[in-house]
Amino acid sequence: MTNAYVSMSHREAPARGCPLAGMGIESARADEHTRAAASRGFENLVEVLAKRIGRRQREAARSEAVFALAAMIGSVTRSRIIADTDASLPVLQDVKQHLEAV
């Protein structure tokens, strides 16, 4: 999941990728209904990741999932902001490397 999400192909396809990364900071400026939908989407993805992490303590798995998802969304969003494709690649690579180490 991480490899596909934190990738140049995802960076280059904002219209087909994750709406959480696609909308970026604009979600914070959106109306209450849109923010609630984005929050539900985030929570749903956290639950999926937490189950995949599979720690015995649910809260530890959830915490790790929140960290991972925030890093994933942030790295894709940030890499899209950087105009130079070559300069944006290290953002994705560094985050992916750190997530793999967790």
C-alpha atoms as a PDB file:
ATOM      1  CA  MET A   1       0.000   0.000   0.000  1.00  0.00           C
ATOM      2  CA  THR A   2       2.788   2.427   0.928  1.00  0.00           C
ATOM      3  CA  ASN A   3       4.731   1.818  -2.285  1.00  0.00           C
ATOM      4  CA  ALA A   4       1.741   2.584  -4.490  1.00  0.00           C
ATOM      5  CA  TYR A   5       0.617   5.583  -2.456  1.00  0.00           C
ATOM      6  CA  VAL A   6       4.010   7.229  -1.943  1.00  0.00           C
ATOM      7  CA  SER A   7       5.014   7.108  -5.591  1.00  0.00           C
ATOM      8  CA  MET A   8       5.659   9.291  -8.592  1.00  0.00           C
ATOM      9  CA  SER A   9       2.661   7.780 -10.388  1.00  0.00           C
ATOM     10  CA  HIS A  10       0.388   8.898  -7.544  1.00  0.00           C
ATOM     11  CA  ARG A  11       2.088  12.298  -7.509  1.00  0.00           C
ATOM     12  CA  GLU A  12       1.432  12.721 -11.221  1.00  0.00           C
ATOM     13  CA  ALA A  13      -2.258  11.731 -11.065  1.00  0.00           C
ATOM     14  CA  PRO A  14      -3.982  13.975  -8.507  1.00  0.00           C
ATOM     15  CA  ALA A  15      -7.382  13.586 -10.197  1.00  0.00           C
ATOM     16  CA  ARG A  16      -7.183   9.785  -9.987  1.00  0.00           C
ATOM     17  CA  GLY A  17      -5.397   9.503  -6.656  1.00  0.00           C
ATOM     18  CA  CYS A  18      -6.401   9.819  -3.042  1.00  0.00           C
ATOM     19  CA  PRO A  19      -8.746  12.756  -2.462  1.00  0.00           C
ATOM     20  CA  LEU A  20      -7.097  13.447   0.900  1.00  0.00           C
ATOM     21  CA  ALA A  21      -3.805  14.197  -0.849  1.00  0.00           C
ATOM     22  CA  GLY A  22      -5.521  15.763  -3.839  1.00  0.00           C
ATOM     23  CA  MET A  23      -7.421  18.333  -1.851  1.00  0.00           C
ATOM     24  CA  GLY A  24      -4.531  19.105   0.480  1.00  0.00           C
ATOM     25  CA  ILE A  25      -4.975  22.207   2.605  1.00  0.00           C
ATOM     26  CA  GLU A  26      -8.118  23.145   0.691  1.00  0.00           C
ATOM     27  CA  SER A  27      -9.964  20.638   2.871  1.00  0.00           C
ATOM     28  CA  ALA A  28      -9.353  22.864   5.876  1.00  0.00           C
ATOM     29  CA  ARG A  29     -11.037  25.758   4.077  1.00  0.00           C
ATOM     30  CA  ALA A  30     -14.007  23.698   2.936  1.00  0.00           C
ATOM     31  CA  ASP A  31     -17.499  23.707   4.399  1.00  0.00           C
ATOM     32  CA  GLU A  32     -18.413  21.598   7.418  1.00  0.00           C
ATOM     33  CA  HIS A  33     -19.944  18.798   5.328  1.00  0.00           C
ATOM     34  CA  THR A  34     -16.810  18.421   3.192  1.00  0.00           C
ATOM     35  CA  ARG A  35     -14.498  18.481   6.225  1.00  0.00           C
ATOM     36  CA  ALA A  36     -16.653  15.830   7.925  1.00  0.00           C
ATOM     37  CA  ALA A  37     -16.436  13.606   4.833  1.00  0.00           C
ATOM     38  CA  ALA A  38     -12.660  14.060   4.668  1.00  0.00           C
ATOM     39  CA  SER A  39     -12.400  13.240   8.371  1.00  0.00           C
ATOM     40  CA  ARG A  40     -14.416  10.051   7.891  1.00  0.00           C
ATOM     41  CA  GLY A  41     -12.210   9.086   4.961  1.00  0.00           C
ATOM     42  CA  PHE A  42      -9.086   9.624   7.041  1.00  0.00           C
ATOM     43  CA  GLU A  43     -10.488   7.579   9.929  1.00  0.00           C
ATOM     44  CA  ASN A  44     -11.495   4.760   7.578  1.00  0.00           C
ATOM     45  CA  LEU A  45      -7.980   4.617   6.137  1.00  0.00           C
ATOM     46  CA  VAL A  46      -6.487   4.679   9.633  1.00  0.00           C
ATOM     47  CA  GLU A  47      -8.589   1.638  10.526  1.00  0.00           C
ATOM     48  CA  VAL A  48      -7.480  -0.213   7.393  1.00  0.00           C
ATOM     49  CA  LEU A  49      -3.826   0.521   8.148  1.00  0.00           C
ATOM     50  CA  ALA A  50      -4.180  -0.347  11.835  1.00  0.00           C
ATOM     51  CA  LYS A  51      -5.575  -3.754  10.914  1.00  0.00           C
ATOM     52  CA  ARG A  52      -2.699  -4.341   8.519  1.00  0.00           C
ATOM     53  CA  ILE A  53      -0.181  -3.359  11.181  1.00  0.00           C
ATOM     54  CA  GLY A  54      -1.674  -6.034  13.395  1.00  0.00           C
ATOM     55  CA  ARG A  55      -0.279  -5.099  16.784  1.00  0.00           C
ATOM     56  CA  ARG A  56      -1.929  -6.701  19.780  1.00  0.00           C
ATOM     57  CA  GLN A  57      -2.611  -3.366  21.404  1.00  0.00           C
ATOM     58  CA  ARG A  58      -5.177  -1.594  19.263  1.00  0.00           C
ATOM     59  CA  GLU A  59      -4.142   1.883  20.390  1.00  0.00           C
ATOM     60  CA  ALA A  60      -0.505   1.277  19.439  1.00  0.00           C
ATOM     61  CA  ALA A  61      -1.536   0.051  15.984  1.00  0.00           C
ATOM     62  CA  ARG A  62      -3.883   3.003  15.562  1.00  0.00           C
ATOM     63  CA  SER A  63      -1.185   5.477  16.591  1.00  0.00           C
ATOM     64  CA  GLU A  64       1.257   3.981  14.106  1.00  0.00           C
ATOM     65  CA  ALA A  65      -1.427   4.068  11.413  1.00  0.00           C
ATOM     66  CA  VAL A  66      -2.179   7.754  12.046  1.00  0.00           C
ATOM     67  CA  PHE A  67       1.534   8.547  11.784  1.00  0.00           C
ATOM     68  CA  ALA A  68       1.955   6.523   8.590  1.00  0.00           C
ATOM     69  CA  LEU A  69      -1.114   7.943   6.889  1.00  0.00           C
ATOM     70  CA  ALA A  70      -0.244  11.530   7.803  1.00  0.00           C
ATOM     71  CA  ALA A  71       3.277  11.011   6.438  1.00  0.00           C
ATOM     72  CA  MET A  72       1.936   9.415   3.265  1.00  0.00           C
ATOM     73  CA  ILE A  73      -0.617  12.153   2.574  1.00  0.00           C
ATOM     74  CA  GLY A  74       1.855  14.874   3.482  1.00  0.00           C
ATOM     75  CA  SER A  75       4.605  13.519   1.259  1.00  0.00           C
ATOM     76  CA  VAL A  76       2.377  13.227  -1.791  1.00  0.00           C
ATOM     77  CA  THR A  77       0.883  16.674  -1.189  1.00  0.00           C
ATOM     78  CA  ARG A  78       4.304  18.255  -0.660  1.00  0.00           C
ATOM     79  CA  SER A  79       5.810  16.528  -3.694  1.00  0.00           C
ATOM     80  CA  ARG A  80       2.991  17.927  -5.855  1.00  0.00           C
ATOM     81  CA  ILE A  81       3.712  21.443  -4.622  1.00  0.00           C
ATOM     82  CA  ILE A  82       7.350  21.198  -5.715  1.00  0.00           C
ATOM     83  CA  ALA A  83       7.351  22.222  -9.370  1.00  0.00           C
ATOM     84  CA  ASP A  84      10.543  20.374 -10.297  1.00  0.00           C
ATOM     85  CA  THR A  85       9.736  16.668 -10.613  1.00  0.00           C
ATOM     86  CA  ASP A  86      13.341  15.661  -9.906  1.00  0.00           C
ATOM     87  CA  ALA A  87      13.358  17.753  -6.732  1.00  0.00           C
ATOM     88  CA  SER A  88      10.079  16.239  -5.536  1.00  0.00           C
ATOM     89  CA  LEU A  89      11.277  12.641  -5.811  1.00  0.00           C
ATOM     90  CA  PRO A  90      13.452  12.741  -2.652  1.00  0.00           C
ATOM     91  CA  VAL A  91      10.410  13.795  -0.604  1.00  0.00           C
ATOM     92  CA  LEU A  92       8.649  10.591  -1.599  1.00  0.00           C
ATOM     93  CA  GLN A  93      11.748   8.429  -1.270  1.00  0.00           C
ATOM     94  CA  ASP A  94      12.662   9.734   2.183  1.00  0.00           C
ATOM     95  CA  VAL A  95       9.165   9.268   3.580  1.00  0.00           C
ATOM     96  CA  LYS A  96       8.894   5.790   2.086  1.00  0.00           C
ATOM     97  CA  GLN A  97      12.267   4.865   3.615  1.00  0.00           C
ATOM     98  CA  HIS A  98      11.213   6.045   7.065  1.00  0.00           C
ATOM     99  CA  LEU A  99       7.844   4.287   6.858  1.00  0.00           C
ATOM    100  CA  GLU A 100       9.526   1.024   5.890  1.00  0.00           C
ATOM    101  CA  ALA A 101      11.764   1.326   8.955  1.00  0.00           C
ATOM    102  CA  VAL A 102       8.793   1.576  11.332  1.00  0.00           C
END
